[in-house]
Protein backbone atom coordinates (compact mmCIF):
# COMPACT_ATOMS: atom_id res chain seq x y z
CA UNK A 1 34.91 157.26 147.86
CA UNK A 2 36.71 158.92 145.78
CA UNK A 3 40.24 157.80 143.87
CA UNK A 4 39.18 153.96 143.49
CA UNK A 5 42.12 152.82 141.11
CA UNK A 6 41.47 149.31 139.39
CA UNK A 7 42.90 147.44 135.91
CA UNK A 8 39.76 146.33 133.79
CA UNK A 9 39.18 145.77 131.01
CA UNK A 10 36.11 147.32 129.01
CA UNK A 11 33.86 145.06 127.39
CA UNK A 12 30.95 145.59 126.32
CA UNK A 13 29.68 150.27 125.97
CA UNK A 14 26.08 151.30 126.05
CA UNK A 15 25.00 154.56 125.44
CA UNK A 16 22.42 155.81 128.25
CA UNK A 17 21.16 159.31 128.00
CA UNK A 18 22.93 162.29 125.78
CA UNK A 19 25.89 162.65 127.93
CA UNK A 20 26.79 159.29 129.34
CA UNK A 21 27.45 155.67 127.80
CA UNK A 22 27.61 152.76 130.59
CA UNK A 23 30.20 150.07 130.58
CA UNK A 24 31.05 146.98 131.35
CA UNK A 25 34.09 146.43 133.56
CA UNK A 26 35.82 143.59 134.04
CA UNK A 27 38.64 144.02 136.98
CA UNK A 28 40.88 142.02 138.52
CA UNK A 29 40.74 143.27 141.68
CA UNK A 30 36.92 143.66 142.03
CA UNK A 31 35.90 141.17 139.33
CA UNK A 32 32.98 142.38 136.47
CA UNK A 33 31.16 145.51 137.66
CA UNK A 34 29.03 147.98 135.78
CA UNK A 35 30.07 152.06 136.14
CA UNK A 36 28.99 155.25 134.00
CA UNK A 37 31.80 157.72 131.89
CA UNK A 38 30.64 161.23 131.48
CA UNK A 39 31.09 163.12 128.30
CA UNK A 40 32.51 161.15 126.91
CA UNK A 41 30.70 160.57 123.24
CA UNK A 42 32.23 164.01 122.47
CA UNK A 43 35.31 163.67 119.87
CA UNK A 44 37.32 166.43 122.17
CA UNK A 45 36.44 164.06 125.82
CA UNK A 46 39.64 162.70 127.17
CA UNK A 47 39.02 160.09 128.62
CA UNK A 48 36.97 159.16 125.24
CA UNK A 49 38.78 156.15 124.21
CA UNK A 50 37.78 154.09 128.22
CA UNK A 51 34.81 153.62 126.72
CA UNK A 52 36.10 152.19 123.81
CA UNK A 53 35.74 149.00 123.56
CA UNK A 54 39.40 146.93 124.33
CA UNK A 55 40.50 149.58 126.32
CA UNK A 56 42.96 147.99 129.04
CA UNK A 57 43.77 150.46 131.59
CA UNK A 58 43.86 151.59 135.07
CA UNK A 59 40.61 153.49 135.27
CA UNK A 60 39.73 155.38 138.29
CA UNK A 61 35.63 155.51 139.41
CA UNK A 62 33.89 157.75 142.75
CA UNK A 63 32.18 155.13 144.53
CA UNK A 64 28.61 156.34 145.57
CA UNK A 65 25.48 153.91 147.13
CA UNK A 66 27.88 150.57 144.89
CA UNK A 67 27.23 152.12 141.65
CA UNK A 68 30.55 153.70 139.67
CA UNK A 69 31.33 156.70 138.18
CA UNK A 70 34.77 156.73 136.02
CA UNK A 71 36.62 159.48 136.19
CA UNK A 72 39.93 159.34 134.41
CA UNK A 73 41.79 156.09 132.81
CA UNK A 74 45.62 155.87 132.12
CA UNK A 75 46.07 153.10 128.95
CA UNK A 76 47.40 150.09 129.74
CA UNK A 77 46.98 148.89 126.09
CA UNK A 78 44.47 149.40 123.11
CA UNK A 79 45.83 146.53 120.43
CA UNK A 80 45.17 148.91 118.34
CA UNK A 81 46.02 146.32 115.51
CA UNK A 82 43.24 144.87 116.34
CA UNK A 83 41.26 146.49 114.10
CA UNK A 84 43.58 146.78 110.75
CA UNK A 85 41.41 143.59 109.11
CA UNK A 86 37.87 142.71 109.50
CA UNK A 87 39.53 138.45 111.52
CA UNK A 88 41.37 139.94 113.43
CA UNK A 89 38.61 143.33 115.10
CA UNK A 90 36.45 140.44 114.56
CA UNK A 91 37.72 137.87 116.87
CA UNK A 92 39.08 140.50 119.61
CA UNK A 93 35.70 141.25 119.22
CA UNK A 94 34.97 137.83 119.77
CA UNK A 95 37.21 137.55 123.20
CA UNK A 96 35.09 140.27 124.78
CA UNK A 97 31.78 138.66 123.76
CA UNK A 98 32.92 135.53 125.57
CA UNK A 99 34.64 136.52 128.51
CA UNK A 100 31.19 139.36 129.04
CA UNK A 101 29.20 136.65 128.78
CA UNK A 102 31.53 133.62 130.61
CA UNK A 103 31.43 135.98 134.16
CA UNK A 104 29.10 136.39 136.94
CA UNK A 105 29.28 139.67 139.11
CA UNK A 106 30.77 139.50 142.11
CA UNK A 107 33.07 136.60 141.18
CA UNK A 108 37.58 136.07 141.09
CA UNK A 109 37.29 136.40 137.58
CA UNK A 110 40.87 137.48 137.85
CA UNK A 111 42.39 134.28 135.73
CA UNK A 112 39.83 135.08 133.27
CA UNK A 113 40.79 138.23 132.55
CA UNK A 114 44.89 137.29 131.87
CA UNK A 115 43.75 134.80 129.61
CA UNK A 116 41.49 136.95 127.83
CA UNK A 117 44.42 139.70 127.69
CA UNK A 118 46.87 137.32 126.10
CA UNK A 119 44.32 136.32 123.72
CA UNK A 120 44.40 139.47 122.64
CA UNK A 121 47.40 140.35 123.01
CA UNK A 122 48.11 137.85 119.74
CA UNK A 123 45.08 139.31 117.73
CA UNK A 124 46.70 142.61 117.89
CA UNK A 125 49.72 141.16 117.44
CA UNK A 126 50.86 137.98 116.34
CA UNK A 127 50.61 136.92 113.36
CA UNK A 128 47.58 133.54 113.08
CA UNK A 129 44.49 136.21 115.22
CA UNK A 130 42.24 132.91 114.46
CA UNK A 131 44.69 130.20 115.85
CA UNK A 132 44.05 133.05 118.66
CA UNK A 133 40.99 133.11 119.15
CA UNK A 134 40.97 128.71 118.36
CA UNK A 135 43.61 128.59 121.61
CA UNK A 136 41.34 131.41 123.97
CA UNK A 137 38.28 129.53 123.05
CA UNK A 138 39.49 126.06 123.74
CA UNK A 139 40.57 127.02 127.17
CA UNK A 140 37.25 129.66 127.87
CA UNK A 141 35.09 126.54 127.61
CA UNK A 142 36.88 124.61 130.16
CA UNK A 143 37.25 127.65 132.46
CA UNK A 144 33.00 126.87 131.85
CA UNK A 145 32.81 124.13 132.88
CA UNK A 146 32.36 122.25 129.17
CA UNK A 147 35.95 120.69 128.08
CA UNK A 148 35.95 119.40 124.53
CA UNK A 149 37.19 116.00 125.18
CA UNK A 150 38.23 114.22 121.26
CA UNK A 151 40.28 111.44 122.73
CA UNK A 152 37.43 108.71 122.56
CA UNK A 153 34.57 108.80 120.62
CA UNK A 154 32.14 109.89 123.39
CA UNK A 155 29.58 107.33 121.94
CA UNK A 156 31.28 104.09 122.33
CA UNK A 157 34.69 104.79 124.28
CA UNK A 158 37.07 103.03 121.31
CA UNK A 159 40.38 105.19 121.35
CA UNK A 160 40.67 108.71 118.80
CA UNK A 161 36.52 109.08 116.80
CA UNK A 162 37.70 111.37 114.21
CA UNK A 163 35.99 112.80 111.57
CA UNK A 164 33.03 113.95 113.52
CA UNK A 165 32.29 116.19 116.53
CA UNK A 166 28.94 116.08 118.30
CA UNK A 167 27.74 119.58 119.74
CA UNK A 168 25.38 117.15 123.11
CA UNK A 169 29.06 115.81 124.03
CA UNK A 170 31.32 118.17 123.62
CA UNK A 171 33.39 115.28 122.53
CA UNK A 172 34.69 113.46 118.92
CA UNK A 173 32.54 110.39 117.61
CA UNK A 174 32.71 107.61 115.63
CA UNK A 175 30.80 107.31 111.99
CA UNK A 176 28.49 104.66 113.96
CA UNK A 177 27.82 106.91 117.13
CA UNK A 178 27.54 110.12 115.23
CA UNK A 179 23.97 111.61 115.79
CA UNK A 180 22.13 114.92 114.39
CA UNK A 181 24.15 116.67 116.25
CA UNK A 182 27.48 115.40 114.92
CA UNK A 183 28.86 117.27 112.60
CA UNK A 184 31.34 115.94 110.22
CA UNK A 185 35.06 117.25 110.73
CA UNK A 186 38.10 116.19 108.63
CA UNK A 187 41.07 115.24 109.19
CA UNK A 188 43.00 118.20 109.32
CA UNK A 189 40.49 120.23 111.34
CA UNK A 190 40.26 117.45 114.40
CA UNK A 191 44.13 117.30 114.14
CA UNK A 192 44.18 120.63 114.42
CA UNK A 193 42.22 121.42 117.54
CA UNK A 194 42.56 118.30 118.66
CA UNK A 195 46.73 119.62 119.75
CA UNK A 196 44.91 122.89 120.25
CA UNK A 197 42.63 120.70 123.48
CA UNK A 198 45.97 119.26 124.06
CA UNK A 199 48.45 121.42 123.94
CA UNK A 200 50.50 118.90 121.17
CA UNK A 201 51.85 122.70 120.24
CA UNK A 202 51.23 125.90 120.73
CA UNK A 203 51.10 128.71 117.28
CA UNK A 204 49.71 126.69 114.73
CA UNK A 205 51.23 127.93 111.82
CA UNK A 206 52.45 126.70 108.70
CA UNK A 207 56.30 124.71 108.77
CA UNK A 208 58.81 125.67 105.68
CA UNK A 209 58.21 121.77 104.19
CA UNK A 210 54.13 123.47 104.13
CA UNK A 211 52.60 120.68 107.17
CA UNK A 212 51.28 122.62 110.18
CA UNK A 213 54.45 123.30 113.04
CA UNK A 214 53.61 120.60 115.51
CA UNK A 215 56.00 122.11 118.09
CA UNK A 216 55.82 121.11 121.88
CA UNK A 217 53.88 123.76 123.58
CA UNK A 218 56.27 127.03 124.83
CA UNK A 219 56.49 127.60 121.98
CA UNK A 220 59.99 128.42 120.52
CA UNK A 221 59.86 127.35 116.82
CA UNK A 222 64.30 127.18 116.05
CA UNK A 223 64.80 127.70 112.49
CA UNK A 224 68.02 130.49 111.42
CA UNK A 225 66.60 134.36 112.03
CA UNK A 226 63.30 133.40 112.90
CA UNK A 227 60.84 135.60 115.16
CA UNK A 228 60.37 133.83 118.21
CA UNK A 229 57.17 135.13 119.98
CA UNK A 230 56.47 134.65 123.30
CA UNK A 231 53.15 133.27 123.60
CA UNK A 232 50.74 132.42 120.09
CA UNK A 233 51.90 132.16 117.37
CA UNK A 234 55.71 130.99 116.86
CA UNK A 235 56.95 131.98 113.99
CA UNK A 236 58.62 129.62 112.12
CA UNK A 237 60.06 132.33 109.30
CA UNK A 238 63.51 131.33 107.80
CA UNK A 239 65.94 133.36 105.73
CA UNK A 240 66.55 130.48 103.26
CA UNK A 241 63.26 130.00 102.77
CA UNK A 242 62.02 133.51 101.92
CA UNK A 243 65.26 134.30 100.08
CA UNK A 244 65.19 133.74 95.91
CA UNK A 245 68.97 134.20 96.05
CA UNK A 246 69.24 130.71 97.65
CA UNK A 247 72.08 128.19 96.27
CA UNK A 248 71.57 126.93 93.39
CA UNK A 249 69.33 124.37 94.06
CA UNK A 250 65.63 125.23 93.12
CA UNK A 251 63.49 123.66 96.02
CA UNK A 252 59.96 123.33 95.59
CA UNK A 253 59.51 126.63 97.55
CA UNK A 254 61.54 128.69 96.09
CA UNK A 255 59.09 127.36 92.64
CA UNK A 256 56.48 128.11 94.47
CA UNK A 257 56.98 131.70 95.04
CA UNK A 258 58.39 132.10 91.88
CA UNK A 259 55.24 131.01 90.07
CA UNK A 260 53.39 132.94 92.75
CA UNK A 261 51.08 130.43 92.47
CA UNK A 262 52.43 127.67 94.75
CA UNK A 263 52.30 124.81 97.08
CA UNK A 264 52.90 127.43 99.97
CA UNK A 265 49.52 129.20 99.39
CA UNK A 266 48.13 126.11 99.17
CA UNK A 267 49.25 125.36 102.47
CA UNK A 268 47.98 128.76 103.65
CA UNK A 269 45.49 128.01 102.37
CA UNK A 270 44.43 124.07 104.12
CA UNK A 271 45.85 126.18 107.33
CA UNK A 272 43.03 128.74 107.17
CA UNK A 273 40.45 126.53 105.51
CA UNK A 274 41.17 124.74 109.31
CA UNK A 275 41.35 126.33 111.53
CA UNK A 276 37.97 128.24 110.19
CA UNK A 277 36.22 124.74 110.09
CA UNK A 278 37.69 124.30 114.14
CA UNK A 279 35.89 127.83 115.15
CA UNK A 280 32.57 126.60 113.72
CA UNK A 281 31.95 123.62 115.42
CA UNK A 282 33.38 124.92 118.83
CA UNK A 283 30.94 127.77 118.41
CA UNK A 284 28.17 125.10 118.35
CA UNK A 285 29.43 123.89 121.45
CA UNK A 286 30.18 126.41 122.81
CA UNK A 287 26.92 128.12 122.27
CA UNK A 288 24.95 125.12 123.16
CA UNK A 289 26.32 124.78 126.37
CA UNK A 290 25.94 128.32 127.25
CA UNK A 291 22.80 129.37 126.03
CA UNK A 292 24.25 132.25 124.62
CA UNK A 293 25.46 133.64 120.72
CA UNK A 294 28.49 134.44 120.25
CA UNK A 295 27.66 137.08 118.03
CA UNK A 296 31.27 138.39 116.86
CA UNK A 297 31.41 135.15 116.16
CA UNK A 298 29.02 133.98 114.36
CA UNK A 299 29.42 137.55 111.94
CA UNK A 300 33.63 135.99 111.92
CA UNK A 301 32.06 132.97 110.43
CA UNK A 302 29.83 134.40 108.49
CA UNK A 303 32.71 136.03 106.35
CA UNK A 304 33.64 132.80 105.61
CA UNK A 305 31.08 132.88 103.00
CA UNK A 306 32.29 136.17 101.13
CA UNK A 307 36.07 135.09 100.17
């Protein structure tokens, strides 16, 4: 069959022989498939982009005996902005790697693909790539059948067991029930993970007063002249926050801006610390349950030690 068109996201590309590349494509119509593409190693190749990770487009195939060969592609989105910065890049690569390692061939994975595409959009174009990755990882874990439970202690059943996360049970545990598989969590990170798991908020951004934005799950933060996003990471950046020519009263936030070393940076650093902490514990649980190693996510977490 020639001219078969499928909407697909490229999640893996492996060089094969001199002139051929083997692709793993997650297609909305036919699930996950393998396909070969030729001639894309040359910089002059018009289809070079089709063999790139993060490429989402309408692929055209010829099919012989159940084997697919890519003959054309119309790009829908390459998520090129995800390459602007190490955190964005590794977050995006982690999404494609999770999608690849948690799905099987010959099954309907359209919901998984849409979830991954939404995450990639927010990683590439949003203000908080780590927050988008955290939400996707939590959702992917639930889709794989390993939902995180933080409402009660996994050991004794006490409500809201803050402080520890058990990678074996995928739940919060109190100090009395913790085991060698339990990982300590700060209160800020635990509440952030709790809100992410139970969709208490969509945006994971610092508010004007420095605390986490706990707006309800839909998501449009209402500030004067604020930028609203469709999905994850709604921004509340009112004009009064960034203007150094506001009213005569000098707020603590304006003082922080003037000093260059005030509470804004502290709160942003706290948020980043909490995000990395949440990603660390979710990664440990995800890896334990699925028995797979998400290399891009591990590399992202290792970057924290060099900051």
